[in-house]
Structures are given as structure tokens and as C-alpha cells.
Protein backbone atom coordinates (compact mmCIF):
# COMPACT_ATOMS: atom_id res chain seq x y z
CA MET A 1 -0.21 0.10 -0.03
CA LYS A 2 2.83 2.24 0.63
CA LEU A 3 4.47 1.56 -2.56
CA LEU A 4 0.88 3.06 -3.92
CA LYS A 5 1.30 5.87 -2.42
CA ILE A 6 4.90 7.12 -3.38
CA CYS A 7 3.38 5.61 -6.67
CA ILE A 8 0.82 7.99 -6.90
CA PHE A 9 2.89 10.84 -5.83
CA LEU A 10 5.79 10.58 -8.21
CA PHE A 11 3.39 10.59 -11.15
CA SER A 12 1.43 13.54 -9.52
CA PHE A 13 4.69 14.78 -9.77
CA CYS A 14 5.43 13.90 -13.63
CA PHE A 15 2.29 14.72 -14.74
CA LEU A 16 2.90 18.14 -12.98
CA PHE A 17 5.44 20.02 -13.38
CA SER A 18 5.14 18.33 -17.67
CA LEU A 19 2.72 21.08 -17.22
CA VAL A 20 4.27 23.32 -15.72
CA GLY A 21 7.80 23.17 -17.73
CA CYS A 22 10.89 23.50 -15.90
CA GLY A 23 10.46 27.11 -14.43
CA GLU A 24 10.69 28.57 -17.64
CA LYS A 25 8.43 31.25 -18.57
CA GLU A 26 7.66 31.88 -22.48
CA LEU A 27 7.75 35.26 -23.23
CA PRO A 28 6.76 37.64 -26.54
CA SER A 29 8.15 38.56 -28.96
CA ALA A 30 10.97 41.77 -29.30
CA LYS A 31 9.81 45.22 -30.88
CA ILE A 32 12.34 45.26 -33.77
CA VAL A 33 13.36 48.42 -35.38
CA ARG A 34 15.94 50.42 -37.34
CA ASP A 35 18.42 52.25 -35.67
CA ASP A 36 17.91 55.45 -34.93
CA ALA A 37 21.16 56.72 -37.44
CA ARG A 38 19.90 53.86 -40.21
CA THR A 39 23.13 52.48 -39.87
CA GLY A 40 23.49 50.81 -43.79
CA GLY A 41 21.30 53.63 -45.37
CA SER A 42 17.44 53.54 -46.30
CA LEU A 43 16.21 49.86 -47.03
CA SER A 44 13.20 48.43 -47.19
CA PHE A 45 12.71 46.93 -43.54
CA VAL A 46 10.19 43.48 -42.77
CA TYR A 47 9.39 42.34 -39.17
CA ASP A 48 7.78 38.58 -39.22
CA GLU A 49 7.26 39.18 -35.48
CA ARG A 50 6.43 35.69 -35.10
CA ASP A 51 8.12 34.01 -36.80
CA ARG A 52 11.33 36.12 -35.11
CA ILE A 53 12.82 37.04 -38.01
CA VAL A 54 13.90 40.46 -40.09
CA TYR A 55 14.27 41.26 -43.60
CA ILE A 56 16.20 43.88 -45.20
CA GLY A 57 16.71 45.24 -48.67
CA GLY A 58 15.78 44.31 -51.92
CA LYS A 59 16.19 44.33 -55.41
CA ASP A 60 18.46 46.93 -56.82
CA GLU A 61 19.04 48.55 -52.68
CA TYR A 62 22.01 48.77 -51.24
CA ILE A 63 23.79 48.68 -47.83
CA GLN A 64 25.43 51.28 -48.04
CA PHE A 65 29.86 50.86 -46.36
CA SER A 66 30.13 51.86 -42.56
CA ALA A 67 33.45 53.11 -41.16
CA ALA A 68 35.32 51.58 -38.33
CA ASP A 69 34.39 52.25 -34.83
CA ASP A 70 36.98 51.88 -32.28
CA ILE A 71 34.83 53.73 -29.31
CA LEU A 72 31.81 50.69 -29.89
CA GLY A 73 34.18 47.74 -31.02
CA LEU A 74 33.30 47.49 -34.78
CA SER A 75 35.03 47.42 -37.81
CA GLU A 76 34.74 48.81 -41.24
CA GLY A 77 31.77 46.92 -43.26
CA ASN A 78 28.21 46.68 -44.61
CA ARG A 79 26.20 46.50 -41.22
CA VAL A 80 22.96 47.53 -41.14
CA GLY A 81 21.94 48.86 -37.71
CA LEU A 82 18.81 47.45 -35.81
CA LYS A 83 16.81 48.47 -32.83
CA VAL A 84 15.59 45.32 -30.14
CA PHE A 85 13.10 45.94 -27.75
CA THR A 86 12.36 44.01 -24.32
CA PRO A 87 8.62 42.26 -25.03
CA ASP A 88 7.53 43.11 -21.98
CA GLU A 89 8.02 46.84 -19.44
CA SER A 90 8.15 44.94 -16.20
CA LEU A 91 11.23 42.77 -17.17
CA ASP A 92 14.11 42.69 -14.65
CA VAL A 93 16.65 42.57 -18.39
CA SER A 94 19.50 43.45 -15.53
CA TYR A 95 20.76 39.40 -15.73
CA ALA A 96 19.87 39.81 -20.01
CA LYS A 97 22.32 37.43 -21.94
CA LEU A 98 22.69 38.10 -25.38
CA GLU A 99 25.16 35.42 -27.74
CA MET A 100 25.94 36.99 -30.87
CA ASN A 101 28.59 35.44 -33.34
CA GLY A 102 30.08 33.57 -31.12
CA VAL A 103 29.87 35.44 -27.91
CA ASN A 104 28.48 36.31 -25.18
CA TYR A 105 27.18 39.32 -22.93
CA ASN A 106 25.93 39.86 -20.52
CA ALA A 107 23.64 43.00 -20.08
CA ASN A 108 26.13 45.13 -18.62
CA GLU A 109 27.69 45.19 -21.83
CA PHE A 110 24.80 45.14 -24.30
CA MET A 111 21.80 46.54 -22.75
CA GLU A 112 21.73 50.61 -23.15
CA TYR A 113 22.24 52.96 -19.96
CA GLU A 114 21.13 56.48 -19.69
CA ASN A 115 22.38 58.43 -16.25
CA GLY A 116 22.85 55.25 -15.15
CA ASN A 117 20.24 54.15 -15.51
CA ILE A 118 19.47 50.41 -17.76
CA GLN A 119 16.95 51.61 -20.98
CA ARG A 120 14.16 49.05 -22.22
CA PHE A 121 16.94 48.36 -25.90
CA PHE A 122 19.80 47.79 -27.64
CA VAL A 123 21.10 48.27 -30.87
CA ILE A 124 23.17 45.82 -33.08
CA LYS A 125 24.98 46.71 -35.89
CA PRO A 126 25.91 43.20 -38.16
CA LEU A 127 27.64 43.03 -40.75
CA PHE A 128 26.51 41.69 -44.32
CA SER A 129 28.02 40.84 -47.51
CA ASN A 130 28.22 39.53 -50.51
CA GLU A 131 29.11 36.30 -49.01
CA VAL A 132 27.08 36.48 -45.59
CA LYS A 133 23.49 37.60 -45.70
CA GLU A 134 22.51 36.01 -42.67
CA ASN A 135 22.92 36.58 -39.29
CA SER A 136 21.33 35.94 -35.62
CA PHE A 137 21.64 36.65 -32.03
CA LYS A 138 20.06 34.60 -29.23
CA ILE A 139 18.85 36.32 -25.81
CA THR A 140 17.71 35.86 -22.55
CA TRP A 141 15.40 38.68 -21.59
CA GLU A 142 16.15 37.83 -17.74
CA GLU A 143 17.10 35.36 -15.02
CA GLY A 144 14.23 32.61 -15.43
CA SER A 145 13.34 33.36 -19.13
CA LYS A 146 13.76 31.43 -22.02
CA GLU A 147 16.20 31.88 -24.85
CA GLN A 148 14.45 33.43 -27.63
CA GLU A 149 16.22 33.63 -30.78
CA TYR A 150 16.23 35.81 -34.04
CA LYS A 151 17.53 35.87 -37.53
CA ILE A 152 18.37 39.02 -39.99
CA ILE A 153 18.16 38.08 -43.43
CA VAL A 154 19.27 40.22 -46.75
CA LYS A 155 17.25 39.66 -49.87
CA ASN A 156 18.14 38.68 -52.97
CA GLY A 157 19.05 41.38 -54.44
CA THR A 158 20.18 43.77 -52.22
CA LYS A 159 23.83 44.82 -52.99
CA PHE A 160 26.48 45.47 -51.38
CA LEU A 161 28.38 49.67 -51.66
CA GLU A 162 32.44 49.59 -51.41
CA LYS A 163 34.53 51.77 -49.34
């Protein structure tokens, strides 16, 4: 009888765990727009929030060449600037983590700050070329939330201005 009670308890626990999950909460997608400086130039921009994919450019559009920015640690090349906003204003983003191009960043390395206060967005400026027309980044907004992956795709027909 005792063994039966233990089995019922374990079954109930496993069932409840499968319903609740491992404690990671699913957040809505981030809001993504072009950066304020329009890095890369005037390009068509479509963001599919459901699939978390940004489409840039199009037939006979050009991605401008950007000079190196030593302050931000950015090399020269064809960059497109994006401004990424948190999916929820109530998130504690002080422990946010970003992974891009195999490099991991903590919140204090990529989230924007104003007057010492953390803001609800960050800016990325990935490099693109004829050989690299897709980029992605992964973000965990706060402790206990699921990691989200976003893709940035340069559409066919987009051209790249040279230095």
C-alpha cells in the first residue's frame, strides 16, 4: 500500500512538472525597428514578429559601407543597425544575456544606459556581405525566461556599397 502511494505521488509530480515545465517562462517576441542613425542606409525593412525574422533590403537596394568605430569596437564593412526593445516593460533585464557571432555578453555590455539607468533596448549593427547574407542572435531577457533566437536576412537583389 505504501508503495502504491509513493507511485501515485511520483506520477502526480511528473504530470504536474510536465504541465508547468522547468520554470522557464515563454515571453512574447521583442519589438525590432531600424536604429535611429539608419546605419546601412535607407533600406526596406520587414519584421516578422511571430517567426522572429528581420528582412532587410531588396532588388537594387544598397547597404552602405560603414567606417570602423573604435569606441564601439566595430570593424568597417556593410552594417545594418537595428534597435531591439524588450518584449515586456516589467522585465528585470539586469541579468539579460546576449549571444551573437559566438560571443556572449552580459546586460551591462549590450543594454543601453542613460544617466546610469538601464534602458529597455539595445542596438546591434551586424556585418553583411555578398558571402554573409544572414545573421542571428540569441537573447535571454531575464533569469527564468526562455532563450529567444532572432534572424536577420538580407533579401536577394540587395547590393553592397564598397569603401
